[in-house]
N, C-alpha and C. Protein backbone atom coordinates (compact mmCIF):
# COMPACT_ATOMS: atom_id res chain seq x y z
N UNK A 1 88.50 13.67 34.88
CA UNK A 1 88.04 13.82 36.26
C UNK A 1 87.13 15.04 36.34
N UNK A 2 85.98 14.90 36.99
CA UNK A 2 85.04 16.02 37.08
C UNK A 2 85.56 17.14 37.98
N UNK A 3 85.08 18.33 37.73
CA UNK A 3 85.44 19.49 38.54
C UNK A 3 84.36 19.86 39.55
N UNK A 4 83.12 19.50 39.25
CA UNK A 4 81.99 19.85 40.11
C UNK A 4 81.96 18.89 41.31
N UNK A 5 81.70 19.46 42.48
CA UNK A 5 81.75 18.69 43.72
C UNK A 5 80.80 17.49 43.70
N UNK A 6 79.56 17.71 43.25
CA UNK A 6 78.59 16.62 43.23
C UNK A 6 79.00 15.53 42.23
N UNK A 7 79.64 15.93 41.15
CA UNK A 7 80.11 14.95 40.16
C UNK A 7 81.25 14.11 40.72
N UNK A 8 82.08 14.73 41.52
CA UNK A 8 83.17 13.99 42.18
C UNK A 8 82.58 12.94 43.12
N UNK A 9 81.53 13.35 43.85
CA UNK A 9 80.86 12.41 44.76
C UNK A 9 80.21 11.27 43.98
N UNK A 10 79.63 11.60 42.81
CA UNK A 10 79.01 10.57 41.97
C UNK A 10 80.03 9.53 41.53
N UNK A 11 81.22 9.98 41.18
CA UNK A 11 82.27 9.06 40.75
C UNK A 11 82.63 8.11 41.89
N UNK A 12 82.74 8.65 43.09
CA UNK A 12 83.09 7.82 44.25
C UNK A 12 81.99 6.82 44.56
N UNK A 13 80.73 7.29 44.57
CA UNK A 13 79.63 6.38 44.91
C UNK A 13 79.43 5.33 43.81
N UNK A 14 79.69 5.69 42.56
CA UNK A 14 79.59 4.72 41.47
C UNK A 14 80.64 3.63 41.64
N UNK A 15 81.83 4.02 42.02
CA UNK A 15 82.90 3.04 42.22
C UNK A 15 82.56 2.10 43.37
N UNK A 16 82.00 2.63 44.45
CA UNK A 16 81.61 1.80 45.59
C UNK A 16 80.52 0.81 45.18
N UNK A 17 79.53 1.30 44.44
CA UNK A 17 78.44 0.42 43.98
C UNK A 17 78.98 -0.65 43.05
N UNK A 18 79.91 -0.27 42.17
CA UNK A 18 80.52 -1.23 41.25
C UNK A 18 81.23 -2.34 42.01
N UNK A 19 81.98 -1.97 43.01
CA UNK A 19 82.71 -2.98 43.80
C UNK A 19 81.76 -3.90 44.55
N UNK A 20 80.69 -3.35 45.11
CA UNK A 20 79.70 -4.18 45.81
C UNK A 20 79.02 -5.14 44.85
N UNK A 21 78.61 -4.63 43.69
CA UNK A 21 77.95 -5.47 42.70
C UNK A 21 78.88 -6.57 42.21
N UNK A 22 80.15 -6.22 42.01
CA UNK A 22 81.14 -7.20 41.54
C UNK A 22 81.29 -8.33 42.56
N UNK A 23 81.38 -7.97 43.84
CA UNK A 23 81.53 -8.98 44.90
C UNK A 23 80.28 -9.86 44.99
N UNK A 24 79.11 -9.23 44.89
CA UNK A 24 77.86 -10.00 44.99
C UNK A 24 77.69 -10.93 43.80
N UNK A 25 78.04 -10.47 42.59
CA UNK A 25 77.95 -11.32 41.40
C UNK A 25 78.91 -12.50 41.51
N UNK A 26 80.10 -12.23 42.05
CA UNK A 26 81.08 -13.29 42.23
C UNK A 26 80.58 -14.34 43.21
N UNK A 27 79.95 -13.90 44.29
CA UNK A 27 79.40 -14.83 45.28
C UNK A 27 78.29 -15.68 44.66
N UNK A 28 77.47 -15.06 43.82
CA UNK A 28 76.40 -15.79 43.14
C UNK A 28 76.98 -16.87 42.22
N UNK A 29 77.97 -16.49 41.42
CA UNK A 29 78.59 -17.44 40.50
C UNK A 29 79.25 -18.59 41.26
N UNK A 30 79.87 -18.27 42.40
CA UNK A 30 80.51 -19.30 43.21
C UNK A 30 79.50 -20.30 43.73
N UNK A 31 78.36 -19.80 44.20
CA UNK A 31 77.31 -20.69 44.71
C UNK A 31 76.79 -21.60 43.60
N UNK A 32 76.61 -21.05 42.40
CA UNK A 32 76.14 -21.86 41.27
C UNK A 32 77.17 -22.91 40.86
N UNK A 33 78.44 -22.53 40.88
CA UNK A 33 79.50 -23.48 40.52
C UNK A 33 79.63 -24.59 41.56
N UNK A 34 79.42 -24.25 42.84
CA UNK A 34 79.47 -25.27 43.89
C UNK A 34 78.34 -26.28 43.71
N UNK A 35 77.17 -25.80 43.29
CA UNK A 35 76.05 -26.70 43.02
C UNK A 35 76.39 -27.62 41.86
N UNK A 36 76.95 -27.08 40.79
CA UNK A 36 77.33 -27.89 39.62
C UNK A 36 78.37 -28.94 40.02
N UNK A 37 79.32 -28.54 40.86
CA UNK A 37 80.35 -29.48 41.31
C UNK A 37 79.75 -30.60 42.16
N UNK A 38 78.80 -30.23 43.02
CA UNK A 38 78.14 -31.24 43.86
C UNK A 38 77.34 -32.21 43.01
N UNK A 39 76.71 -31.70 41.94
CA UNK A 39 75.99 -32.58 41.01
C UNK A 39 76.94 -33.54 40.33
N UNK A 40 78.07 -33.02 39.89
CA UNK A 40 79.04 -33.83 39.17
C UNK A 40 79.63 -34.92 40.06
N UNK A 41 79.74 -34.63 41.38
CA UNK A 41 80.32 -35.61 42.29
C UNK A 41 79.37 -36.79 42.52
N UNK A 42 78.06 -36.54 42.33
CA UNK A 42 77.09 -37.62 42.49
C UNK A 42 76.59 -37.80 43.91
N UNK A 43 77.01 -36.95 44.82
CA UNK A 43 76.58 -37.04 46.22
C UNK A 43 75.26 -36.29 46.38
N UNK A 44 74.19 -37.03 46.61
CA UNK A 44 72.84 -36.45 46.68
C UNK A 44 72.71 -35.45 47.83
N UNK A 45 73.27 -35.78 49.01
CA UNK A 45 73.16 -34.89 50.17
C UNK A 45 73.91 -33.58 49.93
N UNK A 46 75.10 -33.68 49.38
CA UNK A 46 75.89 -32.48 49.10
C UNK A 46 75.20 -31.63 48.03
N UNK A 47 74.62 -32.28 47.04
CA UNK A 47 73.91 -31.56 45.98
C UNK A 47 72.69 -30.84 46.54
N UNK A 48 71.99 -31.48 47.45
CA UNK A 48 70.81 -30.86 48.07
C UNK A 48 71.21 -29.62 48.87
N UNK A 49 72.29 -29.74 49.65
CA UNK A 49 72.77 -28.61 50.44
C UNK A 49 73.23 -27.47 49.54
N UNK A 50 73.93 -27.82 48.47
CA UNK A 50 74.42 -26.80 47.53
C UNK A 50 73.25 -26.16 46.79
N UNK A 51 72.21 -26.93 46.53
CA UNK A 51 71.00 -26.41 45.86
C UNK A 51 70.35 -25.34 46.72
N UNK A 52 70.20 -25.63 48.00
CA UNK A 52 69.58 -24.66 48.92
C UNK A 52 70.40 -23.37 48.95
N UNK A 53 71.73 -23.51 49.02
CA UNK A 53 72.59 -22.33 49.05
C UNK A 53 72.51 -21.55 47.74
N UNK A 54 72.44 -22.26 46.61
CA UNK A 54 72.39 -21.60 45.30
C UNK A 54 71.07 -20.85 45.12
N UNK A 55 69.96 -21.46 45.53
CA UNK A 55 68.66 -20.79 45.42
C UNK A 55 68.63 -19.55 46.31
N UNK A 56 69.20 -19.65 47.49
CA UNK A 56 69.26 -18.50 48.39
C UNK A 56 70.09 -17.38 47.76
N UNK A 57 71.21 -17.74 47.14
CA UNK A 57 72.07 -16.75 46.50
C UNK A 57 71.35 -16.06 45.34
N UNK A 58 70.57 -16.83 44.56
CA UNK A 58 69.82 -16.26 43.45
C UNK A 58 68.76 -15.29 43.99
N UNK A 59 68.06 -15.68 45.05
CA UNK A 59 67.04 -14.81 45.63
C UNK A 59 67.66 -13.51 46.17
N UNK A 60 68.82 -13.63 46.79
CA UNK A 60 69.50 -12.44 47.30
C UNK A 60 69.93 -11.53 46.15
N UNK A 61 70.35 -12.12 45.04
CA UNK A 61 70.77 -11.32 43.88
C UNK A 61 69.59 -10.52 43.33
N UNK A 62 68.39 -11.11 43.36
CA UNK A 62 67.20 -10.39 42.91
C UNK A 62 66.92 -9.23 43.86
N UNK A 63 67.01 -9.51 45.14
CA UNK A 63 66.74 -8.47 46.14
C UNK A 63 67.71 -7.31 46.00
N UNK A 64 68.95 -7.60 45.64
CA UNK A 64 69.97 -6.55 45.51
C UNK A 64 69.96 -5.90 44.13
N UNK A 65 69.10 -6.39 43.24
CA UNK A 65 69.00 -5.78 41.93
C UNK A 65 70.01 -6.27 40.91
N UNK A 66 70.66 -7.38 41.19
CA UNK A 66 71.66 -7.92 40.26
C UNK A 66 71.02 -8.74 39.15
N UNK A 67 69.89 -9.38 39.46
CA UNK A 67 69.19 -10.20 38.49
C UNK A 67 67.74 -9.76 38.40
N UNK A 68 67.16 -9.90 37.23
CA UNK A 68 65.73 -9.67 37.05
C UNK A 68 65.00 -10.88 37.63
N UNK A 69 63.79 -10.66 38.13
CA UNK A 69 63.07 -11.76 38.80
C UNK A 69 62.78 -12.92 37.85
N UNK A 70 62.53 -12.64 36.57
CA UNK A 70 62.28 -13.72 35.62
C UNK A 70 63.56 -14.50 35.33
N UNK A 71 64.68 -13.81 35.27
CA UNK A 71 65.97 -14.47 35.09
C UNK A 71 66.24 -15.40 36.27
N UNK A 72 65.94 -14.92 37.47
CA UNK A 72 66.15 -15.72 38.67
C UNK A 72 65.24 -16.94 38.67
N UNK A 73 64.00 -16.75 38.24
CA UNK A 73 63.05 -17.86 38.20
C UNK A 73 63.55 -18.93 37.22
N UNK A 74 64.10 -18.49 36.09
CA UNK A 74 64.63 -19.43 35.11
C UNK A 74 65.82 -20.19 35.68
N UNK A 75 66.71 -19.48 36.38
CA UNK A 75 67.87 -20.13 36.99
C UNK A 75 67.45 -21.17 38.03
N UNK A 76 66.49 -20.78 38.89
CA UNK A 76 66.03 -21.69 39.94
C UNK A 76 65.34 -22.91 39.34
N UNK A 77 64.58 -22.71 38.29
CA UNK A 77 63.92 -23.82 37.61
C UNK A 77 64.94 -24.78 37.04
N UNK A 78 65.97 -24.22 36.43
CA UNK A 78 67.04 -25.04 35.84
C UNK A 78 67.76 -25.85 36.92
N UNK A 79 68.04 -25.20 38.04
CA UNK A 79 68.71 -25.89 39.15
C UNK A 79 67.85 -27.03 39.68
N UNK A 80 66.55 -26.78 39.79
CA UNK A 80 65.62 -27.80 40.31
C UNK A 80 65.55 -28.98 39.36
N UNK A 81 65.48 -28.70 38.06
CA UNK A 81 65.43 -29.79 37.08
C UNK A 81 66.70 -30.65 37.15
N UNK A 82 67.84 -29.98 37.29
CA UNK A 82 69.11 -30.72 37.38
C UNK A 82 69.15 -31.59 38.63
N UNK A 83 68.67 -31.04 39.75
CA UNK A 83 68.67 -31.81 41.00
C UNK A 83 67.72 -33.00 40.90
N UNK A 84 66.54 -32.78 40.33
CA UNK A 84 65.56 -33.86 40.20
C UNK A 84 66.03 -34.94 39.22
N UNK A 85 66.77 -34.54 38.20
CA UNK A 85 67.28 -35.51 37.23
C UNK A 85 68.34 -36.41 37.86
N UNK A 86 68.95 -35.92 38.91
CA UNK A 86 69.99 -36.70 39.60
C UNK A 86 69.38 -37.93 40.29
N UNK A 87 68.16 -37.81 40.76
CA UNK A 87 67.51 -38.88 41.52
C UNK A 87 67.16 -40.09 40.72
């Protein structure tokens, strides 16, 4: 445990950031899994709705700094290909 006041504050703010990032990453993974589940069910309307939610979650992850923009572009491309292959 640090003794310097600013270091103590750093530990606290790091923990807060870690918890926020963990929650946001979990929400992203959940959105992606819901899309995969909707694809597996074969319901085109549900898959389309889940696709929109998943793309939004990926975009938000980029904005929050959880994903690199190229990583997000690759994920969105993959999701789009999977949705189009369903048709």
